[in-house]
Amino acid sequence: MPMELLIGFLIGAVLAGVISGSIFFKRGIEYRKAQAENAIGSAEKEAERIIEAANEEADSKKKIALVEAKDEIHKSRTELEKEIKDRRSELSRQERRIQQKEESLDKKTDQFEKKEEQLQKKLKAADEKLEEAEKIKKSEMDVLEKISQLTTEQAKEQLLSMLDAELVHEKALRIQQNEQQIKETCEEKARALISLAVSKCAADQVSETAVSVVPLPSDEMKGRIIGREGRNIRTLETLTGVELIIDDTPEAITLSCFDPARREVARIALEKLIADGRIHPARIEEMVDKAKREVEHRIKQEGERAILETNVHGMHHELVRLIGRLHYRTSYRQNVLTHSIEVAHLCGIMASELGVDAACARRAGLLHDVGKALSYEIEGSHVQIGVDVCRKYKESPEIIHAVEAHHGDVECRTVIAALVQAADAISAARPGARNENYENYIKRLEKLEEICSSYEGVEKSYAIQAGREVRIMVVPEQVNDEKMVLVAREIAKRIENEMQYPGQIKVHLIRESRAIEYAK
């Protein structure tokens, strides 16, 4: 029984605990529910308070904005009224000014009308007096005609004839005096200008020679330059058209050619070969090509130097190159580029003294002998060649005319043409500037090469040994061995018939065939 009581007691205790737990749980839930309801109520009240505060703040800001807007509107209205008032006052002032101007204009108009009436009256009176004077003049003329028994026209003719007779002698004397005075003044001014130009322009005169000397490191180099059976020296002479003179002169070789450009190519090529040490036909061809490029570069540099030295700008690049070629051109032993630069300076100085365009004068002086750069290649005088070149590269008509007239082929029509003519004569007249014998020698060699090059199948021709020999390279495909004899004889006969020369000239034809192949 005690166990059952204990169990019953325990069950009762458990049931009591469960019941009391459920009662406490329910009360907890109700308590929490009450707290939640209280929190919700307080939150709603807080929300209502916040909304009410926001509405009050919004109303306050709205009132403030309305007050500010009203103030701004009032301020704007005040400013606008003030501006309107100012404009109205300005308009009223302008109206008063316009009214005053209209009144003054009306007064002036009235005055002008009164003056016009007075002028009309005066003009009418003047016309009446003029008519009266004409009547008096006519009556007096009638009286004079009756007295002199001459009409008015006859009297005028008689007076003019008498006046002409009296003035003829006086006009002749005046013209003679003026001509003499102008002539003396012009001569004095011309002498002064020329003296000033010559004194300011002190260009050096360089006499060109027909030979160049190349120094050698040793005499052994002469044998290497000649090569086996002379193949090296023949190749160099064939490619350059220059004669190599190898004599007893120690450690030196002389290059002989009348054309300075060819001689310069040969000199540069030979110096490169000597410095390199490898001398054979293929290397010679390579060095000659390099030398030709160097000479072309030097020509360009000389042209640019002449342009800068004479202060001539805006010239076509081909004209600059042609001017540079004049560095390797001589005329009467005078370097043509040096001569052209000197003429340009002289023209510029004289043009400045005369008040003429000095830049145009310098340009004409620099270009006056540009035709000589092509006189080896184009037939015709250097004057005509220069005119054609200047016209081709769009030079001005004034420059073209100065080039055309600088030797008197046409009459000078401009001051610049006359200045170029005078400057050319001044430069050429310097002591030692010209030598007729040398020029004739050059012309003879040019004529000799021209005759040889005119035949079909001739590739190149070079006059060497001061014109005592001419070497002619022919195209192997066009001229065979049998035809070479006939061509050589025809050239020799033509030289005999068309040229005058001392001694004899050796005509040397060269026909070379090559076969080139590459080992790969």
Protein backbone atom coordinates (compact mmCIF):
# COMPACT_ATOMS: atom_id res chain seq x y z
CA MET A 1 0.00 0.00 0.00
CA PRO A 2 2.68 2.45 0.79
CA MET A 3 4.09 1.98 -2.72
CA GLU A 4 0.72 2.53 -4.30
CA LEU A 5 0.27 5.58 -2.14
CA LEU A 6 3.64 6.80 -3.14
CA ILE A 7 2.87 6.27 -6.80
CA GLY A 8 -0.49 7.90 -6.37
CA PHE A 9 1.14 10.77 -4.63
CA LEU A 10 3.70 11.11 -7.35
CA ILE A 11 1.04 11.00 -10.06
CA GLY A 12 -0.94 13.58 -8.18
CA ALA A 13 2.13 15.74 -7.82
CA VAL A 14 2.89 15.44 -11.55
CA LEU A 15 -0.67 16.28 -12.44
CA ALA A 16 -0.62 19.21 -10.08
CA GLY A 17 2.67 20.38 -11.63
CA VAL A 18 1.24 20.03 -15.12
CA ILE A 19 -1.90 21.90 -14.20
CA SER A 20 0.04 24.62 -12.41
CA GLY A 21 2.48 24.82 -15.38
CA SER A 22 -0.34 25.26 -17.84
CA ILE A 23 -1.92 27.87 -15.62
CA PHE A 24 1.40 29.75 -15.37
CA PHE A 25 1.99 29.42 -19.14
CA LYS A 26 -1.44 30.83 -19.88
CA ARG A 27 -0.84 33.66 -17.46
CA GLY A 28 2.56 34.31 -19.11
CA ILE A 29 0.94 34.46 -22.51
CA GLU A 30 -1.70 36.83 -21.25
CA TYR A 31 0.99 38.97 -19.62
CA ARG A 32 3.02 39.10 -22.78
CA LYS A 33 -0.09 39.88 -24.78
CA ALA A 34 -0.89 42.71 -22.40
CA GLN A 35 2.69 44.04 -22.70
CA ALA A 36 2.49 43.82 -26.53
CA GLU A 37 -0.83 45.65 -26.54
CA ASN A 38 0.64 48.31 -24.25
CA ALA A 39 3.72 48.64 -26.59
CA ILE A 40 1.45 48.89 -29.68
CA GLY A 41 -0.62 51.52 -27.95
CA SER A 42 2.41 53.53 -26.98
CA ALA A 43 3.83 53.16 -30.55
CA GLU A 44 0.57 54.38 -32.05
CA LYS A 45 0.58 57.32 -29.68
CA GLU A 46 4.22 58.05 -30.58
CA ALA A 47 3.36 57.81 -34.29
CA GLU A 48 0.45 60.16 -33.83
CA ARG A 49 2.74 62.53 -31.95
CA ILE A 50 5.41 62.40 -34.68
CA ILE A 51 2.80 62.95 -37.41
CA GLU A 52 1.33 65.85 -35.51
CA ALA A 53 4.83 67.34 -35.00
CA ALA A 54 5.61 66.88 -38.70
CA ASN A 55 2.37 68.56 -39.69
CA GLU A 56 3.12 71.44 -37.37
CA GLU A 57 6.66 71.75 -38.78
CA ALA A 58 5.29 71.58 -42.34
CA ASP A 59 2.75 74.29 -41.56
CA SER A 60 5.52 76.41 -40.02
CA LYS A 61 7.79 75.98 -43.07
CA LYS A 62 4.88 76.64 -45.40
CA LYS A 63 4.15 79.88 -43.59
CA ILE A 64 7.85 80.84 -43.71
CA ALA A 65 8.00 80.04 -47.48
CA LEU A 66 4.86 82.06 -48.11
CA VAL A 67 6.32 85.00 -46.22
CA GLU A 68 9.61 84.74 -48.17
CA ALA A 69 7.73 84.40 -51.46
CA LYS A 70 5.66 87.44 -50.64
CA ASP A 71 8.83 89.36 -49.76
CA GLU A 72 10.48 88.29 -53.02
CA ILE A 73 7.39 89.24 -55.02
CA HIS A 74 7.26 92.57 -53.28
CA LYS A 75 10.95 93.16 -53.92
CA SER A 76 10.62 92.19 -57.60
CA ARG A 77 7.58 94.36 -58.00
CA THR A 78 9.43 97.28 -56.41
CA GLU A 79 12.43 96.81 -58.73
CA LEU A 80 10.18 96.45 -61.77
CA GLU A 81 8.27 99.58 -60.88
CA LYS A 82 11.55 101.42 -60.43
CA GLU A 83 12.84 100.18 -63.79
CA ILE A 84 9.58 101.14 -65.50
CA LYS A 85 9.77 104.55 -63.88
CA ASP A 86 13.42 104.99 -65.09
CA ARG A 87 12.51 103.92 -68.61
CA ARG A 88 9.57 106.26 -68.71
CA SER A 89 11.77 109.12 -67.56
CA GLU A 90 14.39 108.17 -70.19
CA LEU A 91 11.70 108.03 -72.87
CA SER A 92 10.39 111.40 -71.81
CA ARG A 93 13.94 112.84 -72.01
CA GLN A 94 14.43 111.34 -75.49
CA GLU A 95 11.09 112.71 -76.59
CA ARG A 96 12.11 116.15 -75.41
CA ARG A 97 15.45 115.84 -77.26
CA ILE A 98 13.72 114.71 -80.45
CA GLN A 99 11.27 117.56 -80.16
CA GLN A 100 14.13 120.04 -79.71
CA LYS A 101 15.97 118.56 -82.71
CA GLU A 102 12.86 118.79 -84.82
CA GLU A 103 12.46 122.41 -83.85
CA SER A 104 16.11 123.17 -84.71
CA LEU A 105 15.73 121.29 -88.03
CA ASP A 106 12.66 123.31 -88.85
CA LYS A 107 14.56 126.51 -88.13
CA LYS A 108 17.51 125.38 -90.31
CA THR A 109 15.13 124.37 -93.09
CA ASP A 110 13.59 127.81 -93.01
CA GLN A 111 17.05 129.37 -93.15
CA PHE A 112 18.06 127.14 -96.11
CA GLU A 113 14.93 128.04 -97.98
CA LYS A 114 15.62 131.74 -97.42
CA LYS A 115 19.25 131.27 -98.60
CA GLU A 116 18.08 129.28 -101.64
CA GLU A 117 15.73 132.11 -102.58
CA GLN A 118 18.59 134.58 -102.22
CA LEU A 119 20.89 132.36 -104.34
CA GLN A 120 18.23 132.04 -107.03
CA LYS A 121 17.98 135.80 -107.16
CA LYS A 122 21.78 136.15 -107.35
CA LEU A 123 22.03 133.49 -110.10
CA LYS A 124 19.36 135.23 -112.07
CA ALA A 125 21.22 138.53 -111.73
CA ALA A 126 24.52 136.80 -112.70
CA ASP A 127 22.90 135.26 -115.81
CA GLU A 128 21.62 138.67 -116.80
CA LYS A 129 25.09 140.19 -116.34
CA LEU A 130 26.68 137.29 -118.29
CA GLU A 131 24.30 137.83 -121.20
CA GLU A 132 25.12 141.53 -121.11
CA ALA A 133 28.88 140.73 -121.06
CA GLU A 134 28.48 138.34 -124.02
CA LYS A 135 26.67 141.06 -125.97
CA ILE A 136 29.45 143.53 -125.16
CA LYS A 137 32.13 140.96 -126.11
CA LYS A 138 30.40 140.18 -129.38
CA SER A 139 30.09 143.82 -130.28
CA GLU A 140 33.78 144.40 -129.46
CA MET A 141 34.79 141.32 -131.49
CA ASP A 142 32.82 142.66 -134.43
CA VAL A 143 34.64 145.97 -134.10
CA LEU A 144 38.02 144.16 -133.91
CA GLU A 145 37.22 142.02 -136.96
CA LYS A 146 36.35 145.12 -138.92
CA ILE A 147 39.55 146.84 -137.86
CA SER A 148 41.85 143.81 -138.43
CA GLN A 149 39.93 142.46 -141.40
CA LEU A 150 40.34 138.93 -139.88
CA THR A 151 37.79 136.54 -138.46
CA THR A 152 38.16 135.12 -134.96
CA GLU A 153 39.36 131.73 -136.22
CA GLN A 154 41.91 133.33 -138.54
CA ALA A 155 43.24 135.47 -135.68
CA LYS A 156 43.58 132.38 -133.44
CA GLU A 157 45.48 130.46 -136.14
CA GLN A 158 47.81 133.40 -136.76
CA LEU A 159 48.57 133.78 -133.04
CA LEU A 160 49.21 130.03 -132.59
CA SER A 161 51.51 129.87 -135.60
CA MET A 162 53.50 132.83 -134.30
CA LEU A 163 53.71 131.19 -130.85
CA ASP A 164 54.84 127.86 -132.35
CA ALA A 165 57.55 129.57 -134.33
CA GLU A 166 58.82 131.34 -131.23
CA LEU A 167 58.76 128.13 -129.11
CA VAL A 168 60.46 125.74 -131.56
CA HIS A 169 63.95 127.01 -130.87
CA GLU A 170 63.35 127.25 -127.13
CA LYS A 171 61.96 123.66 -127.02
CA ALA A 172 64.97 122.35 -128.93
CA LEU A 173 67.38 124.05 -126.51
CA ARG A 174 65.45 122.80 -123.48
CA ILE A 175 65.36 119.21 -124.79
CA GLN A 176 69.09 119.25 -125.56
CA GLN A 177 69.93 120.63 -122.13
CA ASN A 178 67.70 118.09 -120.38
CA GLU A 179 69.14 115.20 -122.38
CA GLN A 180 72.69 116.23 -121.55
CA GLN A 181 71.84 116.73 -117.89
CA ILE A 182 70.05 113.36 -117.67
CA LYS A 183 72.91 111.61 -119.44
CA GLU A 184 75.53 113.07 -117.08
CA THR A 185 73.40 112.29 -114.04
CA CYS A 186 72.72 108.73 -115.19
CA GLU A 187 76.38 108.07 -115.94
CA GLU A 188 77.44 109.40 -112.56
CA LYS A 189 74.78 107.40 -110.75
CA ALA A 190 75.59 104.25 -112.74
CA ARG A 191 79.30 104.60 -111.92
CA ALA A 192 78.46 105.12 -108.26
CA LEU A 193 76.15 102.10 -108.19
CA ILE A 194 78.63 99.84 -109.95
CA SER A 195 81.49 101.00 -107.72
CA LEU A 196 79.41 100.41 -104.61
CA ALA A 197 78.29 96.96 -105.79
CA VAL A 198 81.84 95.89 -106.70
CA SER A 199 83.23 97.18 -103.41
CA LYS A 200 80.60 95.33 -101.39
CA CYS A 201 80.89 92.08 -103.35
CA ALA A 202 84.39 90.66 -103.10
CA ALA A 203 83.99 87.16 -104.54
CA ASP A 204 87.08 85.07 -105.13
CA GLN A 205 88.01 84.07 -108.65
CA VAL A 206 89.10 80.43 -108.91
CA SER A 207 90.74 79.13 -112.05
CA GLU A 208 89.61 75.58 -112.65
CA THR A 209 92.14 73.11 -113.96
CA ALA A 210 91.61 70.02 -116.05
CA VAL A 211 93.53 67.63 -113.77
CA SER A 212 93.29 66.31 -110.21
CA VAL A 213 96.05 64.61 -108.23
CA VAL A 214 95.24 61.67 -105.94
CA PRO A 215 97.92 60.86 -103.32
CA LEU A 216 98.90 57.22 -102.80
CA PRO A 217 100.13 55.56 -99.59
CA SER A 218 102.98 53.98 -101.56
CA ASP A 219 104.12 53.35 -105.12
CA GLU A 220 103.09 49.70 -104.80
CA MET A 221 99.47 50.87 -105.02
CA LYS A 222 100.04 51.93 -108.64
CA GLY A 223 100.44 48.31 -109.73
CA ARG A 224 97.24 47.29 -107.92
CA ILE A 225 95.36 50.15 -109.55
CA ILE A 226 96.61 49.09 -113.00
CA GLY A 227 95.68 45.47 -112.31
CA ARG A 228 96.39 42.31 -114.21
CA GLU A 229 96.89 43.21 -117.89
CA GLY A 230 95.53 46.68 -117.09
CA ARG A 231 91.95 45.51 -116.41
CA ASN A 232 91.47 47.68 -113.30
CA ILE A 233 92.59 50.93 -114.88
CA ARG A 234 90.60 50.19 -118.06
CA THR A 235 87.46 49.53 -116.01
CA LEU A 236 87.89 52.75 -114.05
CA GLU A 237 88.52 54.81 -117.21
CA THR A 238 85.57 53.19 -118.98
CA LEU A 239 83.12 53.80 -116.14
CA THR A 240 84.17 57.40 -115.42
CA GLY A 241 85.43 58.71 -118.77
CA VAL A 242 88.55 60.03 -117.03
CA GLU A 243 92.12 59.33 -118.06
CA LEU A 244 94.41 58.03 -115.28
CA ILE A 245 97.99 59.17 -115.82
CA ILE A 246 100.40 56.93 -113.91
CA ASP A 247 103.93 58.22 -114.42
CA ASP A 248 107.11 58.59 -112.38
CA THR A 249 105.52 61.06 -109.95
CA PRO A 250 106.14 59.49 -106.54
CA GLU A 251 103.07 58.38 -104.59
CA ALA A 252 100.54 60.18 -106.82
CA ILE A 253 98.20 59.54 -109.73
CA THR A 254 96.91 62.30 -112.03
CA LEU A 255 93.30 62.31 -113.24
CA SER A 256 92.80 64.19 -116.50
CA CYS A 257 89.36 65.24 -117.80
CA PHE A 258 87.80 68.49 -119.00
CA ASP A 259 84.52 67.71 -117.16
CA PRO A 260 84.94 68.51 -113.42
CA ALA A 261 81.99 66.30 -112.45
CA ARG A 262 83.50 63.22 -114.07
CA ARG A 263 86.88 64.04 -112.57
CA GLU A 264 85.34 64.38 -109.10
CA VAL A 265 83.56 61.00 -109.45
CA ALA A 266 86.81 59.34 -110.47
CA ARG A 267 88.76 61.01 -107.63
CA ILE A 268 86.25 59.95 -104.95
CA ALA A 269 86.04 56.41 -106.31
CA LEU A 270 89.83 56.07 -106.48
CA GLU A 271 90.28 57.38 -102.94
CA LYS A 272 87.68 54.89 -101.67
CA LEU A 273 89.38 52.04 -103.51
CA ILE A 274 92.78 53.01 -102.08
CA ALA A 275 91.36 53.21 -98.55
CA ASP A 276 89.52 49.88 -98.95
CA GLY A 277 92.48 48.03 -100.51
CA ARG A 278 90.28 45.66 -102.54
CA ILE A 279 90.72 46.72 -106.16
CA HIS A 280 89.05 44.62 -108.86
CA PRO A 281 86.46 45.41 -111.60
CA ALA A 282 83.37 44.54 -109.54
CA ARG A 283 84.60 46.62 -106.59
CA ILE A 284 85.46 49.47 -108.95
CA GLU A 285 81.90 49.48 -110.32
CA GLU A 286 80.51 49.58 -106.76
CA MET A 287 82.78 52.45 -105.72
CA VAL A 288 82.02 54.43 -108.89
CA ASP A 289 78.29 54.12 -108.15
CA LYS A 290 78.88 55.33 -104.59
CA ALA A 291 81.00 58.20 -105.86
CA LYS A 292 78.26 59.23 -108.29
CA ARG A 293 75.75 59.28 -105.43
CA GLU A 294 78.13 61.38 -103.35
CA VAL A 295 78.57 63.85 -106.21
CA GLU A 296 74.78 64.08 -106.60
CA HIS A 297 74.51 64.78 -102.86
CA ARG A 298 77.24 67.41 -103.16
CA ILE A 299 75.33 68.98 -106.06
CA LYS A 300 72.24 69.24 -103.87
CA GLN A 301 74.27 70.74 -101.02
CA GLU A 302 75.90 73.29 -103.32
CA GLY A 303 72.49 74.32 -104.67
CA GLU A 304 71.11 74.77 -101.14
CA ARG A 305 74.22 76.71 -100.13
CA ALA A 306 73.78 79.06 -103.08
CA ILE A 307 70.12 79.57 -102.17
CA LEU A 308 70.98 80.41 -98.55
CA GLU A 309 73.94 82.59 -99.46
CA THR A 310 71.89 84.72 -101.88
CA ASN A 311 68.77 84.70 -99.66
CA VAL A 312 66.51 83.43 -102.45
CA HIS A 313 63.52 81.42 -101.24
CA GLY A 314 60.61 79.46 -102.67
CA MET A 315 62.55 77.94 -105.58
CA HIS A 316 61.59 74.59 -107.15
CA HIS A 317 63.79 71.74 -105.92
CA GLU A 318 64.79 70.81 -109.50
CA LEU A 319 66.04 74.35 -110.07
CA VAL A 320 68.04 74.07 -106.83
CA ARG A 321 69.64 70.86 -108.15
CA LEU A 322 70.46 72.50 -111.50
CA ILE A 323 72.06 75.43 -109.68
CA GLY A 324 74.14 72.95 -107.68
CA ARG A 325 75.32 71.32 -110.93
CA LEU A 326 76.87 74.64 -111.91
CA HIS A 327 79.53 73.94 -109.24
CA TYR A 328 80.98 71.39 -111.68
CA ARG A 329 80.68 73.68 -114.71
CA THR A 330 83.23 76.20 -115.89
CA SER A 331 82.98 78.98 -118.43
CA TYR A 332 86.14 80.75 -119.61
CA ARG A 333 87.97 79.23 -116.59
CA GLN A 334 85.36 80.77 -114.28
CA ASN A 335 83.31 78.55 -111.95
CA VAL A 336 79.75 79.13 -113.09
CA LEU A 337 78.18 78.68 -109.63
CA THR A 338 80.58 81.19 -108.08
CA HIS A 339 79.91 83.52 -110.99
CA SER A 340 76.10 83.16 -110.55
CA ILE A 341 76.30 83.87 -106.80
CA GLU A 342 78.44 86.93 -107.47
CA VAL A 343 75.99 88.19 -110.11
CA ALA A 344 73.11 87.67 -107.65
CA HIS A 345 74.89 89.74 -104.97
CA LEU A 346 75.72 92.50 -107.45
CA CYS A 347 72.12 92.62 -108.70
CA GLY A 348 70.77 92.76 -105.14
CA ILE A 349 73.10 95.62 -104.13
CA MET A 350 72.34 97.72 -107.22
CA ALA A 351 68.60 97.03 -106.97
CA SER A 352 68.57 98.17 -103.33
CA GLU A 353 70.30 101.42 -104.27
CA LEU A 354 67.78 102.02 -107.08
CA GLY A 355 64.75 101.17 -104.96
CA VAL A 356 63.89 98.11 -107.09
CA ASP A 357 62.81 94.70 -105.71
CA ALA A 358 66.17 93.35 -104.46
CA ALA A 359 64.85 89.80 -103.87
CA CYS A 360 63.65 89.54 -107.47
CA ALA A 361 66.97 90.92 -108.74
CA ARG A 362 68.98 88.37 -106.72
CA ARG A 363 66.76 85.56 -108.01
CA ALA A 364 67.26 86.65 -111.62
CA GLY A 365 71.03 86.97 -111.10
CA LEU A 366 71.27 83.48 -109.59
CA LEU A 367 69.25 81.89 -112.41
CA HIS A 368 70.71 83.80 -115.38
CA ASP A 369 73.21 81.01 -116.31
CA VAL A 370 71.13 77.99 -115.18
CA GLY A 371 71.02 76.79 -118.79
CA LYS A 372 74.73 75.96 -118.61
CA ALA A 373 73.88 73.08 -116.25
CA LEU A 374 72.18 71.32 -119.19
CA SER A 375 74.24 72.62 -122.11
CA TYR A 376 76.07 69.25 -122.31
CA GLU A 377 72.77 67.36 -122.62
CA ILE A 378 70.43 69.65 -124.62
CA GLU A 379 71.23 71.34 -127.90
CA GLY A 380 70.89 75.09 -128.09
CA SER A 381 72.40 78.13 -126.42
CA HIS A 382 72.49 78.26 -122.65
CA VAL A 383 70.27 81.36 -122.80
CA GLN A 384 67.44 79.52 -124.55
CA ILE A 385 67.89 76.45 -122.36
CA GLY A 386 67.71 78.66 -119.25
CA VAL A 387 64.54 80.37 -120.52
CA ASP A 388 62.89 76.99 -121.17
CA VAL A 389 63.89 75.67 -117.73
CA CYS A 390 62.60 78.77 -115.92
CA ARG A 391 59.35 78.64 -117.85
CA LYS A 392 58.99 74.92 -117.05
CA TYR A 393 59.32 75.50 -113.30
CA LYS A 394 56.87 78.44 -113.25
CA GLU A 395 59.27 81.34 -112.70
CA SER A 396 57.79 84.82 -113.11
CA PRO A 397 57.85 86.54 -116.55
CA GLU A 398 60.23 89.18 -115.15
CA ILE A 399 62.80 86.51 -114.21
CA ILE A 400 62.42 84.74 -117.58
CA HIS A 401 62.93 88.02 -119.46
CA ALA A 402 66.05 88.82 -117.41
CA VAL A 403 67.53 85.37 -118.25
CA GLU A 404 66.67 85.84 -121.93
CA ALA A 405 68.16 89.34 -122.16
CA HIS A 406 71.37 88.97 -120.14
CA HIS A 407 73.50 88.50 -123.31
CA GLY A 408 71.57 91.03 -125.39
CA ASP A 409 69.67 88.42 -127.42
CA VAL A 410 66.53 90.50 -126.81
CA GLU A 411 66.18 94.11 -125.75
CA CYS A 412 65.94 94.79 -122.00
CA ARG A 413 62.41 95.86 -121.06
CA THR A 414 62.81 95.94 -117.26
CA VAL A 415 65.25 97.45 -114.80
CA ILE A 416 66.06 94.02 -113.36
CA ALA A 417 67.02 92.68 -116.81
CA ALA A 418 69.40 95.62 -117.24
CA LEU A 419 70.89 95.01 -113.79
CA VAL A 420 71.47 91.30 -114.56
CA GLN A 421 73.17 92.25 -117.84
CA ALA A 422 75.41 94.77 -116.06
CA ALA A 423 76.24 92.44 -113.16
CA ASP A 424 77.10 89.59 -115.57
CA ALA A 425 79.48 91.89 -117.43
CA ILE A 426 81.06 93.11 -114.17
CA SER A 427 81.65 89.58 -112.88
CA ALA A 428 83.07 88.37 -116.19
CA ALA A 429 85.34 91.42 -116.53
CA ARG A 430 87.34 90.75 -113.35
CA PRO A 431 91.07 90.25 -114.00
CA GLY A 432 91.75 86.59 -114.66
CA ALA A 433 88.09 85.64 -114.70
CA ARG A 434 88.11 84.51 -118.30
CA ASN A 435 90.49 82.82 -120.67
CA GLU A 436 89.38 82.39 -124.25
CA ASN A 437 91.86 79.59 -125.07
CA TYR A 438 90.58 77.37 -122.27
CA GLU A 439 86.98 77.90 -123.38
CA ASN A 440 87.85 76.95 -126.95
CA TYR A 441 89.57 73.82 -125.62
CA ILE A 442 86.44 72.83 -123.68
CA LYS A 443 84.22 73.46 -126.69
CA ARG A 444 86.48 71.32 -128.87
CA LEU A 445 86.28 68.38 -126.44
CA GLU A 446 82.52 68.76 -126.15
CA LYS A 447 82.18 68.78 -129.94
CA LEU A 448 84.37 65.68 -130.17
CA GLU A 449 82.19 63.75 -127.70
CA GLU A 450 79.04 65.03 -129.41
CA ILE A 451 80.16 63.67 -132.81
CA CYS A 452 80.99 60.28 -131.35
CA SER A 453 77.76 59.97 -129.35
CA SER A 454 75.59 60.80 -132.38
CA TYR A 455 76.18 57.36 -134.00
CA GLU A 456 73.74 54.54 -133.50
CA GLY A 457 74.95 51.86 -131.11
CA VAL A 458 77.30 54.17 -129.19
CA GLU A 459 76.63 53.95 -125.43
CA LYS A 460 79.23 56.38 -124.05
CA SER A 461 82.08 58.46 -125.39
CA TYR A 462 84.88 60.18 -123.48
CA ALA A 463 87.53 62.60 -124.79
CA ILE A 464 90.80 61.98 -122.93
CA GLN A 465 94.48 62.95 -123.16
CA ALA A 466 93.58 66.61 -123.75
CA GLY A 467 91.51 65.65 -126.79
CA ARG A 468 94.18 63.55 -128.49
CA GLU A 469 92.14 60.36 -127.94
CA VAL A 470 88.45 59.55 -127.76
CA ARG A 471 87.26 56.29 -126.22
CA ILE A 472 83.87 55.05 -127.39
CA MET A 473 81.91 52.30 -125.66
CA VAL A 474 79.47 50.59 -128.03
CA VAL A 475 76.49 48.35 -127.30
CA PRO A 476 77.63 44.78 -128.12
CA GLU A 477 74.17 43.72 -129.30
CA GLN A 478 74.01 46.53 -131.89
CA VAL A 479 77.62 46.79 -133.09
CA ASN A 480 79.53 43.61 -133.93
CA ASP A 481 83.27 43.26 -134.49
CA GLU A 482 83.05 43.84 -138.25
CA LYS A 483 80.86 46.93 -137.89
CA MET A 484 83.23 48.43 -135.31
CA VAL A 485 85.87 49.02 -138.02
CA LEU A 486 83.36 50.85 -140.25
CA VAL A 487 82.03 52.98 -137.36
CA ALA A 488 85.56 53.93 -136.29
CA ARG A 489 86.43 54.98 -139.85
CA GLU A 490 83.20 57.01 -140.25
CA ILE A 491 83.82 58.82 -136.95
CA ALA A 492 87.41 59.59 -137.90
CA LYS A 493 86.34 60.99 -141.31
CA ARG A 494 83.63 63.14 -139.71
CA ILE A 495 86.08 64.50 -137.15
CA GLU A 496 88.48 65.41 -139.96
CA ASN A 497 85.75 67.21 -141.92
CA GLU A 498 83.98 69.06 -139.08
CA MET A 499 86.69 69.93 -136.56
CA GLN A 500 89.94 71.84 -136.36
CA TYR A 501 92.56 70.45 -133.99
CA PRO A 502 96.32 70.20 -133.64
CA GLY A 503 98.09 66.90 -134.36
CA GLN A 504 95.92 63.80 -134.61
CA ILE A 505 93.05 62.21 -132.67
CA LYS A 506 92.95 58.51 -131.85
CA VAL A 507 89.46 56.98 -132.22
CA HIS A 508 89.30 54.01 -129.84
CA LEU A 509 86.17 51.83 -129.97
CA ILE A 510 85.57 49.34 -127.12
CA ARG A 511 83.12 46.48 -127.36
CA GLU A 512 82.75 44.45 -124.18
CA SER A 513 80.52 41.40 -123.68
CA ARG A 514 79.85 40.07 -120.20
CA ALA A 515 78.32 36.88 -118.88
CA ILE A 516 77.21 36.99 -115.25
CA GLU A 517 75.98 34.04 -113.21
CA TYR A 518 75.55 33.46 -109.48
CA ALA A 519 76.64 30.32 -107.59
CA LYS A 520 74.00 29.42 -105.02
